[in-house]
Structures are given as structure tokens and as C-alpha cells.
Amino acid sequence: HAAHALLKIDTPISKIRGRVHDFRGGIKLIPTFHPAFLLR
């Protein structure tokens, strides 16, 4: 949900995690799994 809201995409997190995206004028954005998912 965080990745989709920030990047305005609907690609599954498993396919975009670890990729570096340019965001809002030079910020680097990297999606990854949520810690709650890691607990499961």
C-alpha cells in the first residue's frame, strides 16, 4: 500500500521490491516488504 500510494502503480510488491525509483525531484525510493509481512 505504501509503494502503490507513493509511486501510483499497482504492480505487486514482490516485483518492484529492491528497485530504485526516482521520486519527487531527486529522492531515491526503494520499495520493500512490510515488517508485519516478515513476521508471517
PDB file of all heavy atoms in Angstrom:
ATOM      1  N   HIS A   1       0.823  -1.213   0.000  1.00  0.00           N
ATOM      2  CA  HIS A   1       0.000   0.000   0.000  1.00  0.00           C
ATOM      3  C   HIS A   1       0.854   1.258   0.000  1.00  0.00           C
ATOM      4  O   HIS A   1       0.520   2.244  -0.669  1.00  0.00           O
ATOM      5  CB  HIS A   1      -0.959  -0.025   1.186  1.00  0.00           C
ATOM      6  CG  HIS A   1      -1.965  -1.138   1.126  1.00  0.00           C
ATOM      7  ND1 HIS A   1      -3.035  -1.130   0.258  1.00  0.00           N
ATOM      8  CD2 HIS A   1      -2.035  -2.316   1.792  1.00  0.00           C
ATOM      9  CE1 HIS A   1      -3.741  -2.245   0.402  1.00  0.00           C
ATOM     10  NE2 HIS A   1      -3.150  -2.974   1.332  1.00  0.00           N
ATOM     11  N   ALA A   2       1.950   1.249   0.734  1.00  0.00           N
ATOM     12  CA  ALA A   2       2.833   2.415   0.725  1.00  0.00           C
ATOM     13  C   ALA A   2       3.462   2.598  -0.653  1.00  0.00           C
ATOM     14  O   ALA A   2       3.511   3.720  -1.180  1.00  0.00           O
ATOM     15  CB  ALA A   2       3.911   2.259   1.792  1.00  0.00           C
ATOM     16  N   ALA A   3       3.943   1.517  -1.248  1.00  0.00           N
ATOM     17  CA  ALA A   3       4.562   1.613  -2.567  1.00  0.00           C
ATOM     18  C   ALA A   3       3.563   2.091  -3.616  1.00  0.00           C
ATOM     19  O   ALA A   3       3.880   2.939  -4.461  1.00  0.00           O
ATOM     20  CB  ALA A   3       5.150   0.260  -2.970  1.00  0.00           C
ATOM     21  N   HIS A   4       2.357   1.559  -3.581  1.00  0.00           N
ATOM     22  CA  HIS A   4       1.344   1.959  -4.560  1.00  0.00           C
ATOM     23  C   HIS A   4       0.946   3.425  -4.389  1.00  0.00           C
ATOM     24  O   HIS A   4       0.756   4.144  -5.381  1.00  0.00           O
ATOM     25  CB  HIS A   4       0.115   1.057  -4.437  1.00  0.00           C
ATOM     26  CG  HIS A   4       0.355  -0.333  -4.944  1.00  0.00           C
ATOM     27  ND1 HIS A   4      -0.635  -1.302  -4.955  1.00  0.00           N
ATOM     28  CD2 HIS A   4       1.461  -0.923  -5.463  1.00  0.00           C
ATOM     29  CE1 HIS A   4      -0.130  -2.426  -5.458  1.00  0.00           C
ATOM     30  NE2 HIS A   4       1.137  -2.221  -5.766  1.00  0.00           N
ATOM     31  N   ALA A   5       0.803   3.865  -3.147  1.00  0.00           N
ATOM     32  CA  ALA A   5       0.404   5.251  -2.911  1.00  0.00           C
ATOM     33  C   ALA A   5       1.483   6.227  -3.357  1.00  0.00           C
ATOM     34  O   ALA A   5       1.183   7.285  -3.935  1.00  0.00           O
ATOM     35  CB  ALA A   5       0.088   5.457  -1.426  1.00  0.00           C
ATOM     36  N   LEU A   6       2.733   5.897  -3.121  1.00  0.00           N
ATOM     37  CA  LEU A   6       3.815   6.805  -3.465  1.00  0.00           C
ATOM     38  C   LEU A   6       4.128   6.793  -4.958  1.00  0.00           C
ATOM     39  O   LEU A   6       4.349   7.849  -5.562  1.00  0.00           O
ATOM     40  CB  LEU A   6       5.072   6.441  -2.669  1.00  0.00           C
ATOM     41  CG  LEU A   6       4.996   6.706  -1.160  1.00  0.00           C
ATOM     42  CD1 LEU A   6       6.179   6.066  -0.457  1.00  0.00           C
ATOM     43  CD2 LEU A   6       4.955   8.195  -0.876  1.00  0.00           C
ATOM     44  N   LEU A   7       4.145   5.626  -5.556  1.00  0.00           N
ATOM     45  CA  LEU A   7       4.551   5.507  -6.951  1.00  0.00           C
ATOM     46  C   LEU A   7       3.385   5.557  -7.938  1.00  0.00           C
ATOM     47  O   LEU A   7       3.601   5.632  -9.153  1.00  0.00           O
ATOM     48  CB  LEU A   7       5.321   4.198  -7.162  1.00  0.00           C
ATOM     49  CG  LEU A   7       6.662   4.098  -6.426  1.00  0.00           C
ATOM     50  CD1 LEU A   7       7.261   2.697  -6.592  1.00  0.00           C
ATOM     51  CD2 LEU A   7       7.643   5.148  -6.939  1.00  0.00           C
ATOM     52  N   LYS A   8       2.161   5.476  -7.410  1.00  0.00           N
ATOM     53  CA  LYS A   8       0.972   5.496  -8.266  1.00  0.00           C
ATOM     54  C   LYS A   8       0.988   4.362  -9.288  1.00  0.00           C
ATOM     55  O   LYS A   8       0.759   4.553 -10.484  1.00  0.00           O
ATOM     56  CB  LYS A   8       0.834   6.856  -8.981  1.00  0.00           C
ATOM     57  CG  LYS A   8       0.725   8.029  -8.039  1.00  0.00           C
ATOM     58  CD  LYS A   8      -0.438   7.868  -7.093  1.00  0.00           C
ATOM     59  CE  LYS A   8      -0.503   8.972  -6.060  1.00  0.00           C
ATOM     60  NZ  LYS A   8      -1.498   8.713  -5.010  1.00  0.00           N
ATOM     61  N   ILE A   9       1.286   3.182  -8.794  1.00  0.00           N
ATOM     62  CA  ILE A   9       1.275   1.981  -9.617  1.00  0.00           C
ATOM     63  C   ILE A   9       0.518   0.900  -8.859  1.00  0.00           C
ATOM     64  O   ILE A   9       0.184   1.062  -7.678  1.00  0.00           O
ATOM     65  CB  ILE A   9       2.702   1.487  -9.920  1.00  0.00           C
ATOM     66  CG1 ILE A   9       3.450   1.183  -8.609  1.00  0.00           C
ATOM     67  CG2 ILE A   9       3.473   2.513 -10.746  1.00  0.00           C
ATOM     68  CD1 ILE A   9       4.832   0.610  -8.811  1.00  0.00           C
ATOM     69  N   ASP A  10       0.231  -0.207  -9.533  1.00  0.00           N
ATOM     70  CA  ASP A  10      -0.442  -1.319  -8.854  1.00  0.00           C
ATOM     71  C   ASP A  10       0.322  -2.633  -9.042  1.00  0.00           C
ATOM     72  O   ASP A  10      -0.235  -3.716  -8.896  1.00  0.00           O
ATOM     73  CB  ASP A  10      -1.887  -1.464  -9.338  1.00  0.00           C
ATOM     74  CG  ASP A  10      -1.988  -1.672 -10.844  1.00  0.00           C
ATOM     75  OD1 ASP A  10      -0.938  -1.809 -11.513  1.00  0.00           O
ATOM     76  OD2 ASP A  10      -3.124  -1.700 -11.360  1.00  0.00           O
ATOM     77  N   THR A  11       1.602  -2.520  -9.364  1.00  0.00           N
ATOM     78  CA  THR A  11       2.435  -3.708  -9.529  1.00  0.00           C
ATOM     79  C   THR A  11       2.646  -4.388  -8.182  1.00  0.00           C
ATOM     80  O   THR A  11       2.871  -3.711  -7.170  1.00  0.00           O
ATOM     81  CB  THR A  11       3.803  -3.325 -10.116  1.00  0.00           C
ATOM     82  OG1 THR A  11       3.587  -2.510 -11.273  1.00  0.00           O
ATOM     83  CG2 THR A  11       4.593  -4.558 -10.490  1.00  0.00           C
ATOM     84  N   PRO A  12       2.581  -5.700  -8.101  1.00  0.00           N
ATOM     85  CA  PRO A  12       2.803  -6.393  -6.826  1.00  0.00           C
ATOM     86  C   PRO A  12       4.151  -6.033  -6.212  1.00  0.00           C
ATOM     87  O   PRO A  12       5.143  -5.852  -6.925  1.00  0.00           O
ATOM     88  CB  PRO A  12       2.730  -7.874  -7.206  1.00  0.00           C
ATOM     89  CG  PRO A  12       1.901  -7.910  -8.450  1.00  0.00           C
ATOM     90  CD  PRO A  12       2.215  -6.652  -9.181  1.00  0.00           C
ATOM     91  N   ILE A  13       4.183  -5.930  -4.905  1.00  0.00           N
ATOM     92  CA  ILE A  13       5.401  -5.546  -4.210  1.00  0.00           C
ATOM     93  C   ILE A  13       6.531  -6.534  -4.487  1.00  0.00           C
ATOM     94  O   ILE A  13       7.702  -6.157  -4.533  1.00  0.00           O
ATOM     95  CB  ILE A  13       5.133  -5.436  -2.685  1.00  0.00           C
ATOM     96  CG1 ILE A  13       6.355  -4.863  -1.951  1.00  0.00           C
ATOM     97  CG2 ILE A  13       4.732  -6.773  -2.103  1.00  0.00           C
ATOM     98  CD1 ILE A  13       6.631  -3.431  -2.244  1.00  0.00           C
ATOM     99  N   SER A  14       6.186  -7.797  -4.713  1.00  0.00           N
ATOM    100  CA  SER A  14       7.220  -8.796  -4.982  1.00  0.00           C
ATOM    101  C   SER A  14       7.979  -8.512  -6.273  1.00  0.00           C
ATOM    102  O   SER A  14       9.115  -8.961  -6.444  1.00  0.00           O
ATOM    103  CB  SER A  14       6.593 -10.194  -5.057  1.00  0.00           C
ATOM    104  OG  SER A  14       5.615 -10.254  -6.082  1.00  0.00           O
ATOM    105  N   LYS A  15       7.362  -7.772  -7.197  1.00  0.00           N
ATOM    106  CA  LYS A  15       8.005  -7.470  -8.477  1.00  0.00           C
ATOM    107  C   LYS A  15       8.757  -6.139  -8.476  1.00  0.00           C
ATOM    108  O   LYS A  15       9.559  -5.877  -9.378  1.00  0.00           O
ATOM    109  CB  LYS A  15       6.961  -7.472  -9.603  1.00  0.00           C
ATOM    110  CG  LYS A  15       6.330  -8.839  -9.844  1.00  0.00           C
ATOM    111  CD  LYS A  15       5.417  -8.808 -11.046  1.00  0.00           C
ATOM    112  CE  LYS A  15       4.775 -10.167 -11.313  1.00  0.00           C
ATOM    113  NZ  LYS A  15       5.787 -11.221 -11.573  1.00  0.00           N
ATOM    114  N   ILE A  16       8.486  -5.279  -7.505  1.00  0.00           N
ATOM    115  CA  ILE A  16       9.131  -3.958  -7.511  1.00  0.00           C
ATOM    116  C   ILE A  16      10.080  -3.769  -6.329  1.00  0.00           C
ATOM    117  O   ILE A  16      10.818  -2.791  -6.297  1.00  0.00           O
ATOM    118  CB  ILE A  16       8.087  -2.821  -7.512  1.00  0.00           C
ATOM    119  CG1 ILE A  16       7.182  -2.915  -6.279  1.00  0.00           C
ATOM    120  CG2 ILE A  16       7.275  -2.836  -8.794  1.00  0.00           C
ATOM    121  CD1 ILE A  16       6.241  -1.738  -6.135  1.00  0.00           C
ATOM    122  N   ARG A  17      10.076  -4.688  -5.372  1.00  0.00           N
ATOM    123  CA  ARG A  17      10.929  -4.508  -4.195  1.00  0.00           C
ATOM    124  C   ARG A  17      12.408  -4.499  -4.629  1.00  0.00           C
ATOM    125  O   ARG A  17      12.821  -5.205  -5.561  1.00  0.00           O
ATOM    126  CB  ARG A  17      10.708  -5.606  -3.161  1.00  0.00           C
ATOM    127  CG  ARG A  17      10.837  -7.039  -3.674  1.00  0.00           C
ATOM    128  CD  ARG A  17      11.439  -7.946  -2.623  1.00  0.00           C
ATOM    129  NE  ARG A  17      12.841  -7.681  -2.425  1.00  0.00           N
ATOM    130  CZ  ARG A  17      13.823  -8.288  -3.094  1.00  0.00           C
ATOM    131  NH1 ARG A  17      13.555  -9.197  -4.017  1.00  0.00           N
ATOM    132  NH2 ARG A  17      15.085  -7.983  -2.846  1.00  0.00           N
ATOM    133  N   GLY A  18      13.148  -3.655  -3.968  1.00  0.00           N
ATOM    134  CA  GLY A  18      14.576  -3.570  -4.244  1.00  0.00           C
ATOM    135  C   GLY A  18      14.953  -2.705  -5.419  1.00  0.00           C
ATOM    136  O   GLY A  18      16.135  -2.406  -5.607  1.00  0.00           O
ATOM    137  N   ARG A  19      13.992  -2.274  -6.220  1.00  0.00           N
ATOM    138  CA  ARG A  19      14.303  -1.410  -7.359  1.00  0.00           C
ATOM    139  C   ARG A  19      14.366   0.042  -6.893  1.00  0.00           C
ATOM    140  O   ARG A  19      13.585   0.471  -6.048  1.00  0.00           O
ATOM    141  CB  ARG A  19      13.251  -1.556  -8.460  1.00  0.00           C
ATOM    142  CG  ARG A  19      13.177  -2.953  -9.051  1.00  0.00           C
ATOM    143  CD  ARG A  19      12.163  -2.993 -10.192  1.00  0.00           C
ATOM    144  NE  ARG A  19      12.015  -4.334 -10.739  1.00  0.00           N
ATOM    145  CZ  ARG A  19      11.193  -4.650 -11.727  1.00  0.00           C
ATOM    146  NH1 ARG A  19      10.436  -3.702 -12.288  1.00  0.00           N
ATOM    147  NH2 ARG A  19      11.102  -5.895 -12.171  1.00  0.00           N
ATOM    148  N   VAL A  20      15.266   0.799  -7.471  1.00  0.00           N
ATOM    149  CA  VAL A  20      15.434   2.206  -7.102  1.00  0.00           C
ATOM    150  C   VAL A  20      14.617   3.066  -8.068  1.00  0.00           C
ATOM    151  O   VAL A  20      14.804   2.997  -9.285  1.00  0.00           O
ATOM    152  CB  VAL A  20      16.913   2.616  -7.136  1.00  0.00           C
ATOM    153  CG1 VAL A  20      17.068   4.089  -6.738  1.00  0.00           C
ATOM    154  CG2 VAL A  20      17.739   1.716  -6.220  1.00  0.00           C
ATOM    155  N   HIS A  21      13.722   3.862  -7.515  1.00  0.00           N
ATOM    156  CA  HIS A  21      12.857   4.738  -8.305  1.00  0.00           C
ATOM    157  C   HIS A  21      13.202   6.193  -7.996  1.00  0.00           C
ATOM    158  O   HIS A  21      13.460   6.543  -6.842  1.00  0.00           O
ATOM    159  CB  HIS A  21      11.379   4.493  -7.970  1.00  0.00           C
ATOM    160  CG  HIS A  21      10.924   3.086  -8.206  1.00  0.00           C
ATOM    161  ND1 HIS A  21      10.199   2.702  -9.323  1.00  0.00           N
ATOM    162  CD2 HIS A  21      11.076   1.971  -7.448  1.00  0.00           C
ATOM    163  CE1 HIS A  21       9.935   1.412  -9.248  1.00  0.00           C
ATOM    164  NE2 HIS A  21      10.458   0.941  -8.117  1.00  0.00           N
ATOM    165  N   ASP A  22      13.177   7.049  -9.025  1.00  0.00           N
ATOM    166  CA  ASP A  22      13.311   8.488  -8.805  1.00  0.00           C
ATOM    167  C   ASP A  22      11.959   9.035  -8.365  1.00  0.00           C
ATOM    168  O   ASP A  22      10.920   8.716  -8.946  1.00  0.00           O
ATOM    169  CB  ASP A  22      13.761   9.194 -10.085  1.00  0.00           C
ATOM    170  CG  ASP A  22      15.213   8.899 -10.409  1.00  0.00           C
ATOM    171  OD1 ASP A  22      16.020   8.798  -9.463  1.00  0.00           O
ATOM    172  OD2 ASP A  22      15.537   8.758 -11.602  1.00  0.00           O
ATOM    173  N   PHE A  23      11.982   9.887  -7.352  1.00  0.00           N
ATOM    174  CA  PHE A  23      10.734  10.326  -6.736  1.00  0.00           C
ATOM    175  C   PHE A  23      10.849  11.778  -6.290  1.00  0.00           C
ATOM    176  O   PHE A  23      11.815  12.163  -5.639  1.00  0.00           O
ATOM    177  CB  PHE A  23      10.435   9.430  -5.521  1.00  0.00           C
ATOM    178  CG  PHE A  23       9.179   9.770  -4.776  1.00  0.00           C
ATOM    179  CD1 PHE A  23       7.936   9.462  -5.305  1.00  0.00           C
ATOM    180  CD2 PHE A  23       9.235  10.386  -3.536  1.00  0.00           C
ATOM    181  CE1 PHE A  23       6.767   9.775  -4.618  1.00  0.00           C
ATOM    182  CE2 PHE A  23       8.082  10.690  -2.836  1.00  0.00           C
ATOM    183  CZ  PHE A  23       6.842  10.384  -3.381  1.00  0.00           C
ATOM    184  N   ARG A  24       9.889  12.599  -6.696  1.00  0.00           N
ATOM    185  CA  ARG A  24       9.747  13.975  -6.227  1.00  0.00           C
ATOM    186  C   ARG A  24      11.072  14.761  -6.296  1.00  0.00           C
ATOM    187  O   ARG A  24      11.572  15.269  -5.299  1.00  0.00           O
ATOM    188  CB  ARG A  24       9.169  14.032  -4.823  1.00  0.00           C
ATOM    189  CG  ARG A  24       7.687  13.764  -4.782  1.00  0.00           C
ATOM    190  CD  ARG A  24       7.122  13.834  -3.380  1.00  0.00           C
ATOM    191  NE  ARG A  24       6.619  15.144  -3.026  1.00  0.00           N
ATOM    192  CZ  ARG A  24       5.459  15.668  -3.432  1.00  0.00           C
ATOM    193  NH1 ARG A  24       4.684  14.985  -4.270  1.00  0.00           N
ATOM    194  NH2 ARG A  24       5.066  16.850  -3.027  1.00  0.00           N
ATOM    195  N   GLY A  25      11.613  14.847  -7.477  1.00  0.00           N
ATOM    196  CA  GLY A  25      12.732  15.728  -7.689  1.00  0.00           C
ATOM    197  C   GLY A  25      14.043  15.289  -7.089  1.00  0.00           C
ATOM    198  O   GLY A  25      14.727  16.090  -6.447  1.00  0.00           O
ATOM    199  N   GLY A  26      14.400  14.032  -7.264  1.00  0.00           N
ATOM    200  CA  GLY A  26      15.723  13.595  -6.881  1.00  0.00           C
ATOM    201  C   GLY A  26      15.806  12.645  -5.707  1.00  0.00           C
ATOM    202  O   GLY A  26      16.873  12.122  -5.407  1.00  0.00           O
ATOM    203  N   ILE A  27      14.704  12.401  -5.019  1.00  0.00           N
ATOM    204  CA  ILE A  27      14.709  11.429  -3.927  1.00  0.00           C
ATOM    205  C   ILE A  27      14.735  10.020  -4.527  1.00  0.00           C
ATOM    206  O   ILE A  27      14.071   9.742  -5.524  1.00  0.00           O
ATOM    207  CB  ILE A  27      13.459  11.607  -3.043  1.00  0.00           C
ATOM    208  CG1 ILE A  27      13.453  12.998  -2.399  1.00  0.00           C
ATOM    209  CG2 ILE A  27      13.389  10.531  -1.959  1.00  0.00           C
ATOM    210  CD1 ILE A  27      12.172  13.315  -1.651  1.00  0.00           C
ATOM    211  N   LYS A  28      15.503   9.133  -3.906  1.00  0.00           N
ATOM    212  CA  LYS A  28      15.530   7.732  -4.323  1.00  0.00           C
ATOM    213  C   LYS A  28      14.532   6.953  -3.460  1.00  0.00           C
ATOM    214  O   LYS A  28      14.575   7.027  -2.232  1.00  0.00           O
ATOM    215  CB  LYS A  28      16.927   7.147  -4.157  1.00  0.00           C
ATOM    216  CG  LYS A  28      18.002   7.864  -4.964  1.00  0.00           C
ATOM    217  CD  LYS A  28      17.723   7.826  -6.454  1.00  0.00           C
ATOM    218  CE  LYS A  28      18.843   8.485  -7.231  1.00  0.00           C
ATOM    219  NZ  LYS A  28      18.537   8.551  -8.696  1.00  0.00           N
ATOM    220  N   LEU A  29      13.643   6.230  -4.113  1.00  0.00           N
ATOM    221  CA  LEU A  29      12.616   5.470  -3.404  1.00  0.00           C
ATOM    222  C   LEU A  29      12.803   3.980  -3.686  1.00  0.00           C
ATOM    223  O   LEU A  29      12.880   3.573  -4.851  1.00  0.00           O
ATOM    224  CB  LEU A  29      11.219   5.927  -3.823  1.00  0.00           C
ATOM    225  CG  LEU A  29      10.051   5.383  -3.001  1.00  0.00           C
ATOM    226  CD1 LEU A  29       8.902   6.399  -2.973  1.00  0.00           C
ATOM    227  CD2 LEU A  29       9.540   4.049  -3.533  1.00  0.00           C
ATOM    228  N   ILE A  30      12.876   3.193  -2.612  1.00  0.00           N
ATOM    229  CA  ILE A  30      13.057   1.751  -2.736  1.00  0.00           C
ATOM    230  C   ILE A  30      11.919   1.045  -1.994  1.00  0.00           C
ATOM    231  O   ILE A  30      11.798   1.163  -0.771  1.00  0.00           O
ATOM    232  CB  ILE A  30      14.407   1.301  -2.145  1.00  0.00           C
ATOM    233  CG1 ILE A  30      15.556   1.977  -2.894  1.00  0.00           C
ATOM    234  CG2 ILE A  30      14.546  -0.217  -2.209  1.00  0.00           C
ATOM    235  CD1 ILE A  30      16.928   1.607  -2.376  1.00  0.00           C
ATOM    236  N   PRO A  31      11.067   0.322  -2.696  1.00  0.00           N
ATOM    237  CA  PRO A  31      10.035  -0.465  -2.011  1.00  0.00           C
ATOM    238  C   PRO A  31      10.633  -1.753  -1.438  1.00  0.00           C
ATOM    239  O   PRO A  31      11.565  -2.330  -2.010  1.00  0.00           O
ATOM    240  CB  PRO A  31       9.028  -0.788  -3.124  1.00  0.00           C
ATOM    241  CG  PRO A  31       9.423   0.060  -4.292  1.00  0.00           C
ATOM    242  CD  PRO A  31      10.889   0.315  -4.146  1.00  0.00           C
ATOM    243  N   THR A  32      10.088  -2.197  -0.336  1.00  0.00           N
ATOM    244  CA  THR A  32      10.470  -3.487   0.225  1.00  0.00           C
ATOM    245  C   THR A  32       9.274  -4.041   0.993  1.00  0.00           C
ATOM    246  O   THR A  32       8.225  -3.390   1.109  1.00  0.00           O
ATOM    247  CB  THR A  32      11.714  -3.372   1.124  1.00  0.00           C
ATOM    248  OG1 THR A  32      12.244  -4.685   1.364  1.00  0.00           O
ATOM    249  CG2 THR A  32      11.400  -2.712   2.460  1.00  0.00           C
ATOM    250  N   PHE A  33       9.424  -5.249   1.516  1.00  0.00           N
ATOM    251  CA  PHE A  33       8.317  -5.866   2.248  1.00  0.00           C
ATOM    252  C   PHE A  33       8.090  -5.163   3.585  1.00  0.00           C
ATOM    253  O   PHE A  33       9.026  -4.652   4.210  1.00  0.00           O
ATOM    254  CB  PHE A  33       8.610  -7.355   2.497  1.00  0.00           C
ATOM    255  CG  PHE A  33       8.638  -8.192   1.248  1.00  0.00           C
ATOM    256  CD1 PHE A  33       9.768  -8.941   0.919  1.00  0.00           C
ATOM    257  CD2 PHE A  33       7.550  -8.235   0.404  1.00  0.00           C
ATOM    258  CE1 PHE A  33       9.801  -9.715  -0.223  1.00  0.00           C
ATOM    259  CE2 PHE A  33       7.570  -9.016  -0.754  1.00  0.00           C
ATOM    260  CZ  PHE A  33       8.700  -9.752  -1.065  1.00  0.00           C
ATOM    261  N   HIS A  34       6.842  -5.178   4.010  1.00  0.00           N
ATOM    262  CA  HIS A  34       6.463  -4.584   5.293  1.00  0.00           C
ATOM    263  C   HIS A  34       6.951  -5.490   6.417  1.00  0.00           C
ATOM    264  O   HIS A  34       6.896  -6.720   6.307  1.00  0.00           O
ATOM    265  CB  HIS A  34       4.938  -4.431   5.349  1.00  0.00           C
ATOM    266  CG  HIS A  34       4.461  -3.531   6.443  1.00  0.00           C
ATOM    267  ND1 HIS A  34       4.438  -3.919   7.766  1.00  0.00           N
ATOM    268  CD2 HIS A  34       3.966  -2.263   6.400  1.00  0.00           C
ATOM    269  CE1 HIS A  34       3.957  -2.927   8.502  1.00  0.00           C
ATOM    270  NE2 HIS A  34       3.669  -1.910   7.698  1.00  0.00           N
ATOM    271  N   PRO A  35       7.419  -4.938   7.539  1.00  0.00           N
ATOM    272  CA  PRO A  35       7.852  -5.783   8.658  1.00  0.00           C
ATOM    273  C   PRO A  35       6.780  -6.746   9.160  1.00  0.00           C
ATOM    274  O   PRO A  35       7.099  -7.855   9.596  1.00  0.00           O
ATOM    275  CB  PRO A  35       8.232  -4.767   9.738  1.00  0.00           C
ATOM    276  CG  PRO A  35       8.618  -3.543   8.978  1.00  0.00           C
ATOM    277  CD  PRO A  35       7.707  -3.520   7.783  1.00  0.00           C
ATOM    278  N   ALA A  36       5.504  -6.333   9.097  1.00  0.00           N
ATOM    279  CA  ALA A  36       4.428  -7.233   9.520  1.00  0.00           C
ATOM    280  C   ALA A  36       4.377  -8.473   8.624  1.00  0.00           C
ATOM    281  O   ALA A  36       4.092  -9.583   9.097  1.00  0.00           O
ATOM    282  CB  ALA A  36       3.088  -6.504   9.497  1.00  0.00           C
ATOM    283  N   PHE A  37       4.659  -8.302   7.343  1.00  0.00           N
ATOM    284  CA  PHE A  37       4.718  -9.442   6.427  1.00  0.00           C
ATOM    285  C   PHE A  37       5.878 -10.357   6.795  1.00  0.00           C
ATOM    286  O   PHE A  37       5.759 -11.588   6.736  1.00  0.00           O
ATOM    287  CB  PHE A  37       4.856  -8.942   4.989  1.00  0.00           C
ATOM    288  CG  PHE A  37       5.134 -10.018   3.983  1.00  0.00           C
ATOM    289  CD1 PHE A  37       4.125 -10.868   3.553  1.00  0.00           C
ATOM    290  CD2 PHE A  37       6.414 -10.192   3.456  1.00  0.00           C
ATOM    291  CE1 PHE A  37       4.381 -11.870   2.625  1.00  0.00           C
ATOM    292  CE2 PHE A  37       6.677 -11.176   2.532  1.00  0.00           C
ATOM    293  CZ  PHE A  37       5.647 -12.028   2.118  1.00  0.00           C
ATOM    294  N   LEU A  38       6.994  -9.783   7.206  1.00  0.00           N
ATOM    295  CA  LEU A  38       8.156 -10.590   7.583  1.00  0.00           C
ATOM    296  C   LEU A  38       7.878 -11.422   8.833  1.00  0.00           C
ATOM    297  O   LEU A  38       8.430 -12.520   8.979  1.00  0.00           O
ATOM    298  CB  LEU A  38       9.364  -9.692   7.821  1.00  0.00           C
ATOM    299  CG  LEU A  38       9.858  -8.881   6.612  1.00  0.00           C
ATOM    300  CD1 LEU A  38      11.071  -8.061   7.002  1.00  0.00           C
ATOM    301  CD2 LEU A  38      10.151  -9.779   5.425  1.00  0.00           C
ATOM    302  N   LEU A  39       7.036 -10.904   9.717  1.00  0.00           N
ATOM    303  CA  LEU A  39       6.674 -11.684  10.903  1.00  0.00           C
ATOM    304  C   LEU A  39       5.891 -12.937  10.507  1.00  0.00           C
ATOM    305  O   LEU A  39       5.992 -13.977  11.168  1.00  0.00           O
ATOM    306  CB  LEU A  39       5.847 -10.831  11.868  1.00  0.00           C
ATOM    307  CG  LEU A  39       6.588  -9.665  12.529  1.00  0.00           C
ATOM    308  CD1 LEU A  39       5.608  -8.816  13.337  1.00  0.00           C
ATOM    309  CD2 LEU A  39       7.723 -10.162  13.415  1.00  0.00           C
ATOM    310  N   ARG A  40       5.139 -12.854   9.425  1.00  0.00           N
ATOM    311  CA  ARG A  40       4.371 -14.011   8.942  1.00  0.00           C
ATOM    312  C   ARG A  40       5.192 -14.871   7.992  1.00  0.00           C
ATOM    313  O   ARG A  40       4.918 -16.062   7.847  1.00  0.00           O
ATOM    314  CB  ARG A  40       3.093 -13.528   8.230  1.00  0.00           C
ATOM    315  CG  ARG A  40       2.156 -12.701   9.088  1.00  0.00           C
ATOM    316  CD  ARG A  40       0.839 -12.443   8.381  1.00  0.00           C
ATOM    317  NE  ARG A  40       1.002 -11.735   7.108  1.00  0.00           N
ATOM    318  CZ  ARG A  40       0.988 -10.415   6.981  1.00  0.00           C
ATOM    319  NH1 ARG A  40       0.855  -9.647   8.058  1.00  0.00           N
ATOM    320  NH2 ARG A  40       1.111  -9.850   5.791  1.00  0.00           N
TER     321      ARG A  40
END
